[in-house]
Amino acid sequence: MAQGHKFQDLEETGEVLVSFINSSQPEKLRQVKNEHQALFDQHVETKKIVTQILKDVAQIEENAGQRLLDMEEEKKHREKELESLEEQLRQCTAKSQITDSELQFLQRELESLRNTEHELQTLQSEVDEDTTEVIPSAVYVAQVYYLITKIKWEYDTQPNILRGVHYGADLATPINMDTSLRSRSDVSDQLWGFVSTEW
């Protein structure tokens, strides 16, 4: 607005100058010239000030633009870091769930093993009781049979093979029979044939 008035003043001054030249008044002409020079100097000074203001504004805009670009770059960098952290969190959560599942599985396995161990201990106790009661009686019965028959049996043979030694008064006789080839009464008769009838 102020510059518009100055240019208007310059026009008016020019018109006055032309008017003075036409009227041939040198004193007034010099006065107009001086006013015109002063106005021109003021215009040059104003132009310098406005140019400097425009340069400052341009510098401020450039700095603000650069800061905005830097902030955008920093924002992108932070977003990438956030995405990376979210991915790590997802992976850790997945690993945690897998670990929890494995832990539950192992706890079930441990409980199963404890139950099995308890069952084995119970079974061992029963076997120990049976062994304590049965084996001595079985040994006793075998000893009675040996005293009566004088036959010492081998127990590591096949189920259908009878193998042992009869210790008679004068001589030991080996026994080797396949019970699948003979009747039970035949086998029984042969074995009783070893037993002495003399008491």
C-alpha atoms as a PDB file:
ATOM      1  CA  MET A   1       0.000   0.000   0.000  1.00  0.00           C
ATOM      2  CA  ALA A   2       2.789   2.433   0.946  1.00  0.00           C
ATOM      3  CA  GLN A   3       4.607   1.724  -2.340  1.00  0.00           C
ATOM      4  CA  GLY A   4       1.416   2.350  -4.288  1.00  0.00           C
ATOM      5  CA  HIS A   5       1.145   5.816  -2.744  1.00  0.00           C
ATOM      6  CA  LYS A   6       4.805   6.501  -3.538  1.00  0.00           C
ATOM      7  CA  PHE A   7       4.359   5.594  -7.182  1.00  0.00           C
ATOM      8  CA  GLN A   8       1.282   7.801  -7.294  1.00  0.00           C
ATOM      9  CA  ASP A   9       3.343  10.607  -5.754  1.00  0.00           C
ATOM     10  CA  LEU A  10       6.027   9.967  -8.381  1.00  0.00           C
ATOM     11  CA  GLU A  11       3.442  10.332 -11.147  1.00  0.00           C
ATOM     12  CA  GLU A  12       2.113  13.509  -9.661  1.00  0.00           C
ATOM     13  CA  THR A  13       5.644  14.829  -9.308  1.00  0.00           C
ATOM     14  CA  GLY A  14       6.312  13.983 -12.954  1.00  0.00           C
ATOM     15  CA  GLU A  15       3.186  15.830 -14.010  1.00  0.00           C
ATOM     16  CA  VAL A  16       4.183  18.845 -11.924  1.00  0.00           C
ATOM     17  CA  LEU A  17       7.672  18.669 -13.445  1.00  0.00           C
ATOM     18  CA  VAL A  18       6.282  18.712 -16.963  1.00  0.00           C
ATOM     19  CA  SER A  19       4.007  21.594 -15.992  1.00  0.00           C
ATOM     20  CA  PHE A  20       6.929  23.546 -14.536  1.00  0.00           C
ATOM     21  CA  ILE A  21       9.065  22.916 -17.579  1.00  0.00           C
ATOM     22  CA  ASN A  22       6.278  24.198 -19.744  1.00  0.00           C
ATOM     23  CA  SER A  23       5.887  27.298 -17.581  1.00  0.00           C
ATOM     24  CA  SER A  24       9.680  27.839 -17.564  1.00  0.00           C
ATOM     25  CA  GLN A  25      10.103  28.352 -13.833  1.00  0.00           C
ATOM     26  CA  PRO A  26      13.723  27.194 -13.067  1.00  0.00           C
ATOM     27  CA  GLU A  27      13.463  27.652  -9.291  1.00  0.00           C
ATOM     28  CA  LYS A  28      10.418  25.462  -9.033  1.00  0.00           C
ATOM     29  CA  LEU A  29      12.072  23.061 -11.476  1.00  0.00           C
ATOM     30  CA  ARG A  30      15.039  22.604  -9.165  1.00  0.00           C
ATOM     31  CA  GLN A  31      12.730  22.078  -6.229  1.00  0.00           C
ATOM     32  CA  VAL A  32      10.832  19.397  -8.159  1.00  0.00           C
ATOM     33  CA  LYS A  33      14.122  17.809  -9.210  1.00  0.00           C
ATOM     34  CA  ASN A  34      15.274  17.638  -5.594  1.00  0.00           C
ATOM     35  CA  GLU A  35      11.951  16.157  -4.501  1.00  0.00           C
ATOM     36  CA  HIS A  36      12.165  13.688  -7.345  1.00  0.00           C
ATOM     37  CA  GLN A  37      15.717  12.699  -6.321  1.00  0.00           C
ATOM     38  CA  ALA A  38      14.658  12.282  -2.691  1.00  0.00           C
ATOM     39  CA  LEU A  39      11.723  10.139  -3.771  1.00  0.00           C
ATOM     40  CA  PHE A  40      14.015   8.025  -5.980  1.00  0.00           C
ATOM     41  CA  ASP A  41      16.514   7.535  -3.137  1.00  0.00           C
ATOM     42  CA  GLN A  42      13.702   6.541  -0.827  1.00  0.00           C
ATOM     43  CA  HIS A  43      12.450   4.106  -3.469  1.00  0.00           C
ATOM     44  CA  VAL A  44      15.933   2.502  -3.801  1.00  0.00           C
ATOM     45  CA  GLU A  45      16.230   2.174  -0.015  1.00  0.00           C
ATOM     46  CA  THR A  46      12.746   0.650   0.215  1.00  0.00           C
ATOM     47  CA  LYS A  47      13.652  -1.790  -2.564  1.00  0.00           C
ATOM     48  CA  LYS A  48      16.777  -2.868  -0.638  1.00  0.00           C
ATOM     49  CA  ILE A  49      14.749  -3.396   2.529  1.00  0.00           C
ATOM     50  CA  VAL A  50      12.026  -5.369   0.716  1.00  0.00           C
ATOM     51  CA  THR A  51      14.673  -7.468  -1.107  1.00  0.00           C
ATOM     52  CA  GLN A  52      16.355  -8.281   2.229  1.00  0.00           C
ATOM     53  CA  ILE A  53      12.985  -9.170   3.798  1.00  0.00           C
ATOM     54  CA  LEU A  54      12.194 -11.458   0.864  1.00  0.00           C
ATOM     55  CA  LYS A  55      15.633 -13.123   1.191  1.00  0.00           C
ATOM     56  CA  ASP A  56      15.067 -13.636   4.936  1.00  0.00           C
ATOM     57  CA  VAL A  57      11.606 -15.081   4.302  1.00  0.00           C
ATOM     58  CA  ALA A  58      13.029 -17.394   1.612  1.00  0.00           C
ATOM     59  CA  GLN A  59      15.780 -18.522   4.041  1.00  0.00           C
ATOM     60  CA  ILE A  60      13.201 -19.117   6.791  1.00  0.00           C
ATOM     61  CA  GLU A  61      11.031 -21.118   4.375  1.00  0.00           C
ATOM     62  CA  GLU A  62      14.056 -23.139   3.237  1.00  0.00           C
ATOM     63  CA  ASN A  63      15.063 -23.886   6.855  1.00  0.00           C
ATOM     64  CA  ALA A  64      11.484 -24.817   7.751  1.00  0.00           C
ATOM     65  CA  GLY A  65      11.247 -27.026   4.663  1.00  0.00           C
ATOM     66  CA  GLN A  66      14.530 -28.753   5.545  1.00  0.00           C
ATOM     67  CA  ARG A  67      13.357 -29.282   9.122  1.00  0.00           C
ATOM     68  CA  LEU A  68      10.104 -30.704   7.797  1.00  0.00           C
ATOM     69  CA  LEU A  69      12.020 -33.115   5.512  1.00  0.00           C
ATOM     70  CA  ASP A  70      14.259 -34.122   8.420  1.00  0.00           C
ATOM     71  CA  MET A  71      11.204 -34.719  10.600  1.00  0.00           C
ATOM     72  CA  GLU A  72       9.577 -36.800   7.852  1.00  0.00           C
ATOM     73  CA  GLU A  73      12.764 -38.882   7.531  1.00  0.00           C
ATOM     74  CA  GLU A  74      12.917 -39.300  11.319  1.00  0.00           C
ATOM     75  CA  LYS A  75       9.239 -40.302  11.327  1.00  0.00           C
ATOM     76  CA  LYS A  76       9.865 -42.964   8.660  1.00  0.00           C
ATOM     77  CA  HIS A  77      12.870 -44.238  10.634  1.00  0.00           C
ATOM     78  CA  ARG A  78      10.784 -44.448  13.826  1.00  0.00           C
ATOM     79  CA  GLU A  79       7.979 -46.228  11.969  1.00  0.00           C
ATOM     80  CA  LYS A  80      10.468 -48.837  10.686  1.00  0.00           C
ATOM     81  CA  GLU A  81      11.827 -49.312  14.217  1.00  0.00           C
ATOM     82  CA  LEU A  82       8.256 -49.691  15.510  1.00  0.00           C
ATOM     83  CA  GLU A  83       7.456 -52.289  12.820  1.00  0.00           C
ATOM     84  CA  SER A  84      10.654 -54.163  13.684  1.00  0.00           C
ATOM     85  CA  LEU A  85       9.780 -54.139  17.397  1.00  0.00           C
ATOM     86  CA  GLU A  86       6.227 -55.311  16.640  1.00  0.00           C
ATOM     87  CA  GLU A  87       7.627 -58.183  14.540  1.00  0.00           C
ATOM     88  CA  GLN A  88      10.023 -59.128  17.342  1.00  0.00           C
ATOM     89  CA  LEU A  89       7.102 -59.012  19.779  1.00  0.00           C
ATOM     90  CA  ARG A  90       5.050 -61.311  17.502  1.00  0.00           C
ATOM     91  CA  GLN A  91       7.966 -63.758  17.224  1.00  0.00           C
ATOM     92  CA  CYS A  92       8.552 -63.712  20.986  1.00  0.00           C
ATOM     93  CA  THR A  93       4.841 -64.250  21.612  1.00  0.00           C
ATOM     94  CA  ALA A  94       4.811 -67.196  19.180  1.00  0.00           C
ATOM     95  CA  LYS A  95       7.933 -68.681  20.827  1.00  0.00           C
ATOM     96  CA  SER A  96       6.362 -68.178  24.236  1.00  0.00           C
ATOM     97  CA  GLN A  97       3.217 -70.015  23.142  1.00  0.00           C
ATOM     98  CA  ILE A  98       5.313 -72.866  21.706  1.00  0.00           C
ATOM     99  CA  THR A  99       7.360 -72.997  24.918  1.00  0.00           C
ATOM    100  CA  ASP A 100       4.158 -73.046  27.000  1.00  0.00           C
ATOM    101  CA  SER A 101       2.794 -75.905  24.870  1.00  0.00           C
ATOM    102  CA  GLU A 102       6.066 -77.833  25.173  1.00  0.00           C
ATOM    103  CA  LEU A 103       6.099 -77.212  28.933  1.00  0.00           C
ATOM    104  CA  GLN A 104       2.529 -78.518  29.271  1.00  0.00           C
ATOM    105  CA  PHE A 105       3.434 -81.560  27.153  1.00  0.00           C
ATOM    106  CA  LEU A 106       6.526 -82.245  29.288  1.00  0.00           C
ATOM    107  CA  GLN A 107       4.486 -81.829  32.481  1.00  0.00           C
ATOM    108  CA  ARG A 108       1.971 -84.380  31.181  1.00  0.00           C
ATOM    109  CA  GLU A 109       4.840 -86.715  30.227  1.00  0.00           C
ATOM    110  CA  LEU A 110       6.387 -86.282  33.689  1.00  0.00           C
ATOM    111  CA  GLU A 111       3.043 -87.033  35.342  1.00  0.00           C
ATOM    112  CA  SER A 112       2.656 -90.102  33.119  1.00  0.00           C
ATOM    113  CA  LEU A 113       6.169 -91.275  34.033  1.00  0.00           C
ATOM    114  CA  ARG A 114       5.412 -90.746  37.733  1.00  0.00           C
ATOM    115  CA  ASN A 115       2.248 -92.806  37.381  1.00  0.00           C
ATOM    116  CA  THR A 116       4.171 -95.520  35.528  1.00  0.00           C
ATOM    117  CA  GLU A 117       6.875 -95.457  38.204  1.00  0.00           C
ATOM    118  CA  HIS A 118       4.224 -95.786  40.902  1.00  0.00           C
ATOM    119  CA  GLU A 119       2.636 -98.706  39.049  1.00  0.00           C
ATOM    120  CA  LEU A 120       6.066-100.342  38.673  1.00  0.00           C
ATOM    121  CA  GLN A 121       6.765 -99.876  42.376  1.00  0.00           C
ATOM    122  CA  THR A 122       3.397-101.437  43.202  1.00  0.00           C
ATOM    123  CA  LEU A 123       4.086-104.303  40.796  1.00  0.00           C
ATOM    124  CA  GLN A 124       7.593-104.750  42.253  1.00  0.00           C
ATOM    125  CA  SER A 125       6.117-104.899  45.740  1.00  0.00           C
ATOM    126  CA  GLU A 126       3.640-107.557  44.584  1.00  0.00           C
ATOM    127  CA  VAL A 127       6.427-109.528  42.861  1.00  0.00           C
ATOM    128  CA  ASP A 128       8.586-109.244  45.967  1.00  0.00           C
ATOM    129  CA  GLU A 129       5.721-110.578  48.077  1.00  0.00           C
ATOM    130  CA  ASP A 130       5.057-113.392  45.594  1.00  0.00           C
ATOM    131  CA  THR A 131       8.763-114.213  45.426  1.00  0.00           C
ATOM    132  CA  THR A 132       9.020-114.241  49.187  1.00  0.00           C
ATOM    133  CA  GLU A 133       6.051-116.574  49.479  1.00  0.00           C
ATOM    134  CA  VAL A 134       6.163-118.700  46.296  1.00  0.00           C
ATOM    135  CA  ILE A 135       9.844-119.261  45.538  1.00  0.00           C
ATOM    136  CA  PRO A 136      10.749-120.728  48.902  1.00  0.00           C
ATOM    137  CA  SER A 137       7.749-123.056  48.670  1.00  0.00           C
ATOM    138  CA  ALA A 138       8.697-123.953  45.075  1.00  0.00           C
ATOM    139  CA  VAL A 139      12.266-124.604  46.186  1.00  0.00           C
ATOM    140  CA  TYR A 140      10.973-126.725  49.036  1.00  0.00           C
ATOM    141  CA  VAL A 141       8.733-128.741  46.687  1.00  0.00           C
ATOM    142  CA  ALA A 142      11.641-129.231  44.236  1.00  0.00           C
ATOM    143  CA  GLN A 143      13.840-130.446  47.065  1.00  0.00           C
ATOM    144  CA  VAL A 144      11.163-132.895  48.194  1.00  0.00           C
ATOM    145  CA  TYR A 145      10.813-134.195  44.613  1.00  0.00           C
ATOM    146  CA  TYR A 146      14.566-134.602  44.354  1.00  0.00           C
ATOM    147  CA  LEU A 147      14.712-136.520  47.632  1.00  0.00           C
ATOM    148  CA  ILE A 148      11.985-138.825  46.412  1.00  0.00           C
ATOM    149  CA  THR A 149      12.961-139.249  42.747  1.00  0.00           C
ATOM    150  CA  LYS A 150      16.715-138.448  42.831  1.00  0.00           C
ATOM    151  CA  ILE A 151      16.180-136.553  39.556  1.00  0.00           C
ATOM    152  CA  LYS A 152      17.844-133.193  39.069  1.00  0.00           C
ATOM    153  CA  TRP A 153      16.126-131.212  36.300  1.00  0.00           C
ATOM    154  CA  GLU A 154      17.438-128.634  33.849  1.00  0.00           C
ATOM    155  CA  TYR A 155      15.025-125.706  33.704  1.00  0.00           C
ATOM    156  CA  ASP A 156      16.359-123.777  30.698  1.00  0.00           C
ATOM    157  CA  THR A 157      15.024-126.183  28.054  1.00  0.00           C
ATOM    158  CA  GLN A 158      12.186-125.830  25.568  1.00  0.00           C
ATOM    159  CA  PRO A 159       8.679-126.381  26.981  1.00  0.00           C
ATOM    160  CA  ASN A 160       8.239-129.836  25.342  1.00  0.00           C
ATOM    161  CA  ILE A 161      11.700-131.159  26.327  1.00  0.00           C
ATOM    162  CA  LEU A 162      12.384-132.855  29.664  1.00  0.00           C
ATOM    163  CA  ARG A 163      16.073-132.938  30.439  1.00  0.00           C
ATOM    164  CA  GLY A 164      17.870-133.879  33.611  1.00  0.00           C
ATOM    165  CA  VAL A 165      19.904-136.545  35.418  1.00  0.00           C
ATOM    166  CA  HIS A 166      18.704-139.390  37.646  1.00  0.00           C
ATOM    167  CA  TYR A 167      21.190-140.134  40.370  1.00  0.00           C
ATOM    168  CA  GLY A 168      20.726-143.803  41.177  1.00  0.00           C
ATOM    169  CA  ALA A 169      22.526-145.775  43.890  1.00  0.00           C
ATOM    170  CA  ASP A 170      25.340-146.864  41.563  1.00  0.00           C
ATOM    171  CA  LEU A 171      25.066-144.730  38.464  1.00  0.00           C
ATOM    172  CA  ALA A 172      23.744-141.441  37.042  1.00  0.00           C
ATOM    173  CA  THR A 173      21.364-141.755  34.115  1.00  0.00           C
ATOM    174  CA  PRO A 174      20.705-138.823  31.773  1.00  0.00           C
ATOM    175  CA  ILE A 175      17.080-138.034  30.881  1.00  0.00           C
ATOM    176  CA  ASN A 176      16.192-136.416  27.567  1.00  0.00           C
ATOM    177  CA  MET A 177      12.564-136.756  26.405  1.00  0.00           C
ATOM    178  CA  ASP A 178      10.428-134.944  23.868  1.00  0.00           C
ATOM    179  CA  THR A 179       6.955-134.907  25.469  1.00  0.00           C
ATOM    180  CA  SER A 180       5.310-133.874  22.193  1.00  0.00           C
ATOM    181  CA  LEU A 181       6.168-137.276  20.678  1.00  0.00           C
ATOM    182  CA  ARG A 182       4.903-139.407  23.607  1.00  0.00           C
ATOM    183  CA  SER A 183       1.723-139.637  25.620  1.00  0.00           C
ATOM    184  CA  ARG A 184       1.573-138.229  29.133  1.00  0.00           C
ATOM    185  CA  SER A 185       1.071-141.630  30.706  1.00  0.00           C
ATOM    186  CA  ASP A 186       4.095-142.977  28.795  1.00  0.00           C
ATOM    187  CA  VAL A 187       6.261-140.122  30.082  1.00  0.00           C
ATOM    188  CA  SER A 188       4.932-140.585  33.602  1.00  0.00           C
ATOM    189  CA  ASP A 189       5.604-144.331  33.523  1.00  0.00           C
ATOM    190  CA  GLN A 190       9.182-143.844  32.331  1.00  0.00           C
ATOM    191  CA  LEU A 191       9.897-141.239  35.035  1.00  0.00           C
ATOM    192  CA  TRP A 192       8.375-143.407  37.793  1.00  0.00           C
ATOM    193  CA  GLY A 193      10.568-146.216  36.527  1.00  0.00           C
ATOM    194  CA  PHE A 194      13.581-144.298  37.883  1.00  0.00           C
ATOM    195  CA  VAL A 195      12.142-144.093  41.400  1.00  0.00           C
ATOM    196  CA  SER A 196      13.309-146.780  43.751  1.00  0.00           C
ATOM    197  CA  THR A 197      10.554-148.730  45.483  1.00  0.00           C
ATOM    198  CA  GLU A 198      12.813-149.599  48.379  1.00  0.00           C
ATOM    199  CA  TRP A 199      12.169-147.376  51.375  1.00  0.00           C
END
